[in-house]
């Protein structure tokens, strides 16, 4: 991934019994990526999203555009 250490955090809205993801937004500006991982498996795989794609995803969630039918 990168030599910089991700600073992982879980959203304050993630109070749903542990079904959460963690993100490391500190890598968005210097590297253009936002790593995402399962909060229950922190040593497991990491999905690295482009910063623009992650921003579009968050915008879609906040606007309700990506709600499940």
PDB file of N, CA and C in Angstrom:
ATOM      1  N   UNK A   1       0.857  -1.172   0.000  1.00  0.00           N
ATOM      2  CA  UNK A   1       0.000   0.000   0.000  1.00  0.00           C
ATOM      3  C   UNK A   1       0.905   1.238   0.000  1.00  0.00           C
ATOM      4  N   UNK A   2       1.272   1.754   1.146  1.00  0.00           N
ATOM      5  CA  UNK A   2       2.174   2.897   1.256  1.00  0.00           C
ATOM      6  C   UNK A   2       3.068   2.676   2.466  1.00  0.00           C
ATOM      7  N   UNK A   3       4.074   3.515   2.606  1.00  0.00           N
ATOM      8  CA  UNK A   3       4.926   3.413   3.787  1.00  0.00           C
ATOM      9  C   UNK A   3       4.353   4.212   4.951  1.00  0.00           C
ATOM     10  N   UNK A   4       3.407   5.098   4.676  1.00  0.00           N
ATOM     11  CA  UNK A   4       2.757   5.865   5.746  1.00  0.00           C
ATOM     12  C   UNK A   4       1.737   4.972   6.455  1.00  0.00           C
ATOM     13  N   UNK A   5       1.655   5.102   7.770  1.00  0.00           N
ATOM     14  CA  UNK A   5       0.756   4.272   8.559  1.00  0.00           C
ATOM     15  C   UNK A   5      -0.668   4.814   8.519  1.00  0.00           C
ATOM     16  N   UNK A   6      -1.632   3.967   8.146  1.00  0.00           N
ATOM     17  CA  UNK A   6      -3.029   4.404   8.177  1.00  0.00           C
ATOM     18  C   UNK A   6      -3.479   4.672   9.611  1.00  0.00           C
ATOM     19  N   UNK A   7      -4.256   5.728   9.792  1.00  0.00           N
ATOM     20  CA  UNK A   7      -4.882   6.013  11.089  1.00  0.00           C
ATOM     21  C   UNK A   7      -6.357   5.637  10.952  1.00  0.00           C
ATOM     22  N   UNK A   8      -6.683   4.450  11.437  1.00  0.00           N
ATOM     23  CA  UNK A   8      -8.009   3.882  11.264  1.00  0.00           C
ATOM     24  C   UNK A   8      -9.015   4.500  12.219  1.00  0.00           C
ATOM     25  N   UNK A   9     -10.240   4.675  11.728  1.00  0.00           N
ATOM     26  CA  UNK A   9     -11.332   5.090  12.608  1.00  0.00           C
ATOM     27  C   UNK A   9     -12.644   4.528  12.093  1.00  0.00           C
ATOM     28  N   UNK A  10     -13.573   4.398  13.012  1.00  0.00           N
ATOM     29  CA  UNK A  10     -14.923   3.940  12.709  1.00  0.00           C
ATOM     30  C   UNK A  10     -15.857   5.119  12.914  1.00  0.00           C
ATOM     31  N   UNK A  11     -16.799   5.288  12.041  1.00  0.00           N
ATOM     32  CA  UNK A  11     -17.748   6.387  12.145  1.00  0.00           C
ATOM     33  C   UNK A  11     -18.486   6.359  13.474  1.00  0.00           C
ATOM     34  N   UNK A  12     -18.771   7.541  13.993  1.00  0.00           N
ATOM     35  CA  UNK A  12     -19.561   7.629  15.220  1.00  0.00           C
ATOM     36  C   UNK A  12     -20.998   7.136  14.986  1.00  0.00           C
ATOM     37  N   UNK A  13     -21.420   7.014  13.745  1.00  0.00           N
ATOM     38  CA  UNK A  13     -22.742   6.500  13.410  1.00  0.00           C
ATOM     39  C   UNK A  13     -22.776   4.969  13.409  1.00  0.00           C
ATOM     40  N   UNK A  14     -21.620   4.343  13.548  1.00  0.00           N
ATOM     41  CA  UNK A  14     -21.524   2.882  13.490  1.00  0.00           C
ATOM     42  C   UNK A  14     -21.764   2.265  14.854  1.00  0.00           C
ATOM     43  N   UNK A  15     -22.985   2.314  15.298  1.00  0.00           N
ATOM     44  CA  UNK A  15     -23.356   1.723  16.573  1.00  0.00           C
ATOM     45  C   UNK A  15     -24.399   0.650  16.288  1.00  0.00           C
ATOM     46  N   UNK A  16     -23.983  -0.351  15.504  1.00  0.00           N
ATOM     47  CA  UNK A  16     -24.952  -1.347  15.044  1.00  0.00           C
ATOM     48  C   UNK A  16     -24.540  -2.772  15.391  1.00  0.00           C
ATOM     49  N   UNK A  17     -23.897  -2.960  16.508  1.00  0.00           N
ATOM     50  CA  UNK A  17     -23.559  -4.311  16.934  1.00  0.00           C
ATOM     51  C   UNK A  17     -22.313  -4.876  16.302  1.00  0.00           C
ATOM     52  N   UNK A  18     -21.435  -4.041  15.816  1.00  0.00           N
ATOM     53  CA  UNK A  18     -20.157  -4.519  15.304  1.00  0.00           C
ATOM     54  C   UNK A  18     -20.088  -4.757  13.815  1.00  0.00           C
ATOM     55  N   UNK A  19     -21.135  -4.491  13.091  1.00  0.00           N
ATOM     56  CA  UNK A  19     -21.122  -4.662  11.638  1.00  0.00           C
ATOM     57  C   UNK A  19     -20.611  -3.372  10.989  1.00  0.00           C
ATOM     58  N   UNK A  20     -19.326  -3.098  11.158  1.00  0.00           N
ATOM     59  CA  UNK A  20     -18.771  -1.810  10.755  1.00  0.00           C
ATOM     60  C   UNK A  20     -17.563  -1.981   9.840  1.00  0.00           C
ATOM     61  N   UNK A  21     -17.222  -0.902   9.208  1.00  0.00           N
ATOM     62  CA  UNK A  21     -15.957  -0.809   8.494  1.00  0.00           C
ATOM     63  C   UNK A  21     -15.153   0.315   9.122  1.00  0.00           C
ATOM     64  N   UNK A  22     -13.853   0.251   8.931  1.00  0.00           N
ATOM     65  CA  UNK A  22     -12.963   1.315   9.369  1.00  0.00           C
ATOM     66  C   UNK A  22     -12.316   1.916   8.133  1.00  0.00           C
ATOM     67  N   UNK A  23     -12.048   3.199   8.189  1.00  0.00           N
ATOM     68  CA  UNK A  23     -11.390   3.888   7.084  1.00  0.00           C
ATOM     69  C   UNK A  23     -10.182   4.645   7.616  1.00  0.00           C
ATOM     70  N   UNK A  24      -9.248   4.917   6.714  1.00  0.00           N
ATOM     71  CA  UNK A  24      -8.045   5.681   7.064  1.00  0.00           C
ATOM     72  C   UNK A  24      -7.946   6.859   6.099  1.00  0.00           C
ATOM     73  N   UNK A  25      -8.667   7.926   6.425  1.00  0.00           N
ATOM     74  CA  UNK A  25      -8.717   9.079   5.523  1.00  0.00           C
ATOM     75  C   UNK A  25      -7.435   9.895   5.519  1.00  0.00           C
ATOM     76  N   UNK A  26      -6.513   9.619   6.430  1.00  0.00           N
ATOM     77  CA  UNK A  26      -5.258  10.368   6.453  1.00  0.00           C
ATOM     78  C   UNK A  26      -4.396  10.117   5.220  1.00  0.00           C
ATOM     79  N   UNK A  27      -4.713   9.109   4.434  1.00  0.00           N
ATOM     80  CA  UNK A  27      -3.941   8.819   3.227  1.00  0.00           C
ATOM     81  C   UNK A  27      -4.555   9.435   1.970  1.00  0.00           C
ATOM     82  N   UNK A  28      -5.711  10.075   2.098  1.00  0.00           N
ATOM     83  CA  UNK A  28      -6.398  10.634   0.932  1.00  0.00           C
ATOM     84  C   UNK A  28      -5.591  11.733   0.263  1.00  0.00           C
ATOM     85  N   UNK A  29      -5.130  12.702   1.026  1.00  0.00           N
ATOM     86  CA  UNK A  29      -4.402  13.819   0.423  1.00  0.00           C
ATOM     87  C   UNK A  29      -3.010  13.420  -0.062  1.00  0.00           C
ATOM     88  N   UNK A  30      -2.188  12.774   0.768  1.00  0.00           N
ATOM     89  CA  UNK A  30      -0.836  12.494   0.300  1.00  0.00           C
ATOM     90  C   UNK A  30      -0.739  11.384  -0.750  1.00  0.00           C
ATOM     91  N   UNK A  31      -1.709  10.443  -0.767  1.00  0.00           N
ATOM     92  CA  UNK A  31      -1.593   9.291  -1.668  1.00  0.00           C
ATOM     93  C   UNK A  31      -2.791   9.079  -2.583  1.00  0.00           C
ATOM     94  N   UNK A  32      -3.872   9.837  -2.382  1.00  0.00           N
ATOM     95  CA  UNK A  32      -5.049   9.722  -3.243  1.00  0.00           C
ATOM     96  C   UNK A  32      -5.868   8.472  -3.029  1.00  0.00           C
ATOM     97  N   UNK A  33      -5.709   7.819  -1.869  1.00  0.00           N
ATOM     98  CA  UNK A  33      -6.475   6.604  -1.575  1.00  0.00           C
ATOM     99  C   UNK A  33      -7.111   6.699  -0.197  1.00  0.00           C
ATOM    100  N   UNK A  34      -8.180   5.920  -0.018  1.00  0.00           N
ATOM    101  CA  UNK A  34      -8.811   5.770   1.295  1.00  0.00           C
ATOM    102  C   UNK A  34      -8.937   4.266   1.533  1.00  0.00           C
ATOM    103  N   UNK A  35      -8.066   3.704   2.376  1.00  0.00           N
ATOM    104  CA  UNK A  35      -8.174   2.285   2.700  1.00  0.00           C
ATOM    105  C   UNK A  35      -9.414   2.016   3.560  1.00  0.00           C
ATOM    106  N   UNK A  36     -10.043   0.871   3.334  1.00  0.00           N
ATOM    107  CA  UNK A  36     -11.237   0.458   4.068  1.00  0.00           C
ATOM    108  C   UNK A  36     -11.023  -0.986   4.503  1.00  0.00           C
ATOM    109  N   UNK A  37     -11.396  -1.304   5.747  1.00  0.00           N
ATOM    110  CA  UNK A  37     -11.270  -2.682   6.237  1.00  0.00           C
ATOM    111  C   UNK A  37     -12.441  -3.021   7.151  1.00  0.00           C
ATOM    112  N   UNK A  38     -12.614  -4.311   7.384  1.00  0.00           N
ATOM    113  CA  UNK A  38     -13.645  -4.824   8.284  1.00  0.00           C
ATOM    114  C   UNK A  38     -13.179  -4.601   9.717  1.00  0.00           C
ATOM    115  N   UNK A  39     -13.997  -3.956  10.527  1.00  0.00           N
ATOM    116  CA  UNK A  39     -13.610  -3.663  11.912  1.00  0.00           C
ATOM    117  C   UNK A  39     -13.499  -4.923  12.763  1.00  0.00           C
ATOM    118  N   UNK A  40     -14.110  -6.022  12.329  1.00  0.00           N
ATOM    119  CA  UNK A  40     -14.033  -7.272  13.082  1.00  0.00           C
ATOM    120  C   UNK A  40     -12.816  -8.096  12.694  1.00  0.00           C
ATOM    121  N   UNK A  41     -12.140  -7.730  11.604  1.00  0.00           N
ATOM    122  CA  UNK A  41     -10.998  -8.493  11.102  1.00  0.00           C
ATOM    123  C   UNK A  41      -9.899  -7.510  10.697  1.00  0.00           C
ATOM    124  N   UNK A  42      -9.329  -6.833  11.674  1.00  0.00           N
ATOM    125  CA  UNK A  42      -8.386  -5.751  11.386  1.00  0.00           C
ATOM    126  C   UNK A  42      -7.088  -6.232  10.744  1.00  0.00           C
ATOM    127  N   UNK A  43      -6.781  -7.510  10.844  1.00  0.00           N
ATOM    128  CA  UNK A  43      -5.584  -8.027  10.179  1.00  0.00           C
ATOM    129  C   UNK A  43      -5.921  -8.632   8.819  1.00  0.00           C
ATOM    130  N   UNK A  44      -7.184  -8.536   8.422  1.00  0.00           N
ATOM    131  CA  UNK A  44      -7.624  -9.090   7.148  1.00  0.00           C
ATOM    132  C   UNK A  44      -7.337  -8.156   5.980  1.00  0.00           C
ATOM    133  N   UNK A  45      -7.959  -8.427   4.848  1.00  0.00           N
ATOM    134  CA  UNK A  45      -7.700  -7.645   3.644  1.00  0.00           C
ATOM    135  C   UNK A  45      -8.171  -6.196   3.775  1.00  0.00           C
ATOM    136  N   UNK A  46      -7.524  -5.342   3.006  1.00  0.00           N
ATOM    137  CA  UNK A  46      -7.837  -3.912   2.960  1.00  0.00           C
ATOM    138  C   UNK A  46      -8.206  -3.559   1.527  1.00  0.00           C
ATOM    139  N   UNK A  47      -9.294  -2.867   1.361  1.00  0.00           N
ATOM    140  CA  UNK A  47      -9.726  -2.371   0.060  1.00  0.00           C
ATOM    141  C   UNK A  47      -9.289  -0.915  -0.039  1.00  0.00           C
ATOM    142  N   UNK A  48      -8.473  -0.598  -1.027  1.00  0.00           N
ATOM    143  CA  UNK A  48      -8.012   0.783  -1.214  1.00  0.00           C
ATOM    144  C   UNK A  48      -8.828   1.448  -2.311  1.00  0.00           C
ATOM    145  N   UNK A  49      -9.623   2.421  -1.924  1.00  0.00           N
ATOM    146  CA  UNK A  49     -10.462   3.158  -2.871  1.00  0.00           C
ATOM    147  C   UNK A  49      -9.782   4.458  -3.257  1.00  0.00           C
ATOM    148  N   UNK A  50      -9.987   4.887  -4.473  1.00  0.00           N
ATOM    149  CA  UNK A  50      -9.528   6.211  -4.861  1.00  0.00           C
ATOM    150  C   UNK A  50     -10.263   7.249  -4.019  1.00  0.00           C
ATOM    151  N   UNK A  51      -9.573   8.315  -3.666  1.00  0.00           N
ATOM    152  CA  UNK A  51     -10.182   9.343  -2.810  1.00  0.00           C
ATOM    153  C   UNK A  51     -11.446   9.915  -3.444  1.00  0.00           C
ATOM    154  N   UNK A  52     -11.441  10.130  -4.756  1.00  0.00           N
ATOM    155  CA  UNK A  52     -12.631  10.664  -5.428  1.00  0.00           C
ATOM    156  C   UNK A  52     -13.796   9.680  -5.366  1.00  0.00           C
ATOM    157  N   UNK A  53     -13.514   8.399  -5.533  1.00  0.00           N
ATOM    158  CA  UNK A  53     -14.557   7.378  -5.461  1.00  0.00           C
ATOM    159  C   UNK A  53     -15.137   7.301  -4.048  1.00  0.00           C
ATOM    160  N   UNK A  54     -14.273   7.391  -3.034  1.00  0.00           N
ATOM    161  CA  UNK A  54     -14.750   7.351  -1.658  1.00  0.00           C
ATOM    162  C   UNK A  54     -15.623   8.567  -1.357  1.00  0.00           C
ATOM    163  N   UNK A  55     -15.202   9.734  -1.825  1.00  0.00           N
ATOM    164  CA  UNK A  55     -15.996  10.956  -1.626  1.00  0.00           C
ATOM    165  C   UNK A  55     -17.362  10.826  -2.295  1.00  0.00           C
ATOM    166  N   UNK A  56     -17.396  10.286  -3.500  1.00  0.00           N
ATOM    167  CA  UNK A  56     -18.666  10.098  -4.205  1.00  0.00           C
ATOM    168  C   UNK A  56     -19.564   9.115  -3.457  1.00  0.00           C
ATOM    169  N   UNK A  57     -18.981   8.062  -2.896  1.00  0.00           N
ATOM    170  CA  UNK A  57     -19.746   7.090  -2.121  1.00  0.00           C
ATOM    171  C   UNK A  57     -20.366   7.749  -0.884  1.00  0.00           C
ATOM    172  N   UNK A  58     -19.562   8.475  -0.118  1.00  0.00           N
ATOM    173  CA  UNK A  58     -20.064   9.127   1.093  1.00  0.00           C
ATOM    174  C   UNK A  58     -21.147  10.144   0.739  1.00  0.00           C
ATOM    175  N   UNK A  59     -20.944  10.894  -0.325  1.00  0.00           N
ATOM    176  CA  UNK A  59     -21.943  11.872  -0.772  1.00  0.00           C
ATOM    177  C   UNK A  59     -23.254  11.172  -1.116  1.00  0.00           C
ATOM    178  N   UNK A  60     -23.167  10.035  -1.815  1.00  0.00           N
ATOM    179  CA  UNK A  60     -24.361   9.272  -2.172  1.00  0.00           C
ATOM    180  C   UNK A  60     -25.092   8.725  -0.969  1.00  0.00           C
ATOM    181  N   UNK A  61     -24.347   8.259   0.027  1.00  0.00           N
ATOM    182  CA  UNK A  61     -24.974   7.743   1.252  1.00  0.00           C
ATOM    183  C   UNK A  61     -25.677   8.876   1.993  1.00  0.00           C
ATOM    184  N   UNK A  62     -24.988   9.990   2.148  1.00  0.00           N
ATOM    185  CA  UNK A  62     -25.566  11.129   2.891  1.00  0.00           C
ATOM    186  C   UNK A  62     -26.816  11.687   2.212  1.00  0.00           C
ATOM    187  N   UNK A  63     -26.844  11.681   0.887  1.00  0.00           N
ATOM    188  CA  UNK A  63     -27.984  12.242   0.160  1.00  0.00           C
ATOM    189  C   UNK A  63     -29.163  11.269   0.091  1.00  0.00           C
ATOM    190  N   UNK A  64     -28.929  10.023   0.454  1.00  0.00           N
ATOM    191  CA  UNK A  64     -29.986   9.010   0.367  1.00  0.00           C
ATOM    192  C   UNK A  64     -30.029   8.324  -0.979  1.00  0.00           C
ATOM    193  N   UNK A  65     -29.169   8.725  -1.879  1.00  0.00           N
ATOM    194  CA  UNK A  65     -29.142   8.152  -3.227  1.00  0.00           C
ATOM    195  C   UNK A  65     -28.793   6.659  -3.209  1.00  0.00           C
ATOM    196  N   UNK A  66     -28.041   6.206  -2.213  1.00  0.00           N
ATOM    197  CA  UNK A  66     -27.579   4.819  -2.175  1.00  0.00           C
ATOM    198  C   UNK A  66     -28.322   3.977  -1.142  1.00  0.00           C
ATOM    199  N   UNK A  67     -29.520   4.391  -0.759  1.00  0.00           N
ATOM    200  CA  UNK A  67     -30.278   3.602   0.207  1.00  0.00           C
ATOM    201  C   UNK A  67     -30.787   2.320  -0.439  1.00  0.00           C
ATOM    202  N   UNK A  68     -30.860   1.284   0.369  1.00  0.00           N
ATOM    203  CA  UNK A  68     -31.396  -0.002  -0.078  1.00  0.00           C
ATOM    204  C   UNK A  68     -32.902   0.125  -0.265  1.00  0.00           C
ATOM    205  N   UNK A  69     -33.441  -0.409  -1.364  1.00  0.00           N
ATOM    206  CA  UNK A  69     -34.896  -0.292  -1.598  1.00  0.00           C
ATOM    207  C   UNK A  69     -35.742  -0.981  -0.567  1.00  0.00           C
TER     208      UNK A  69
END
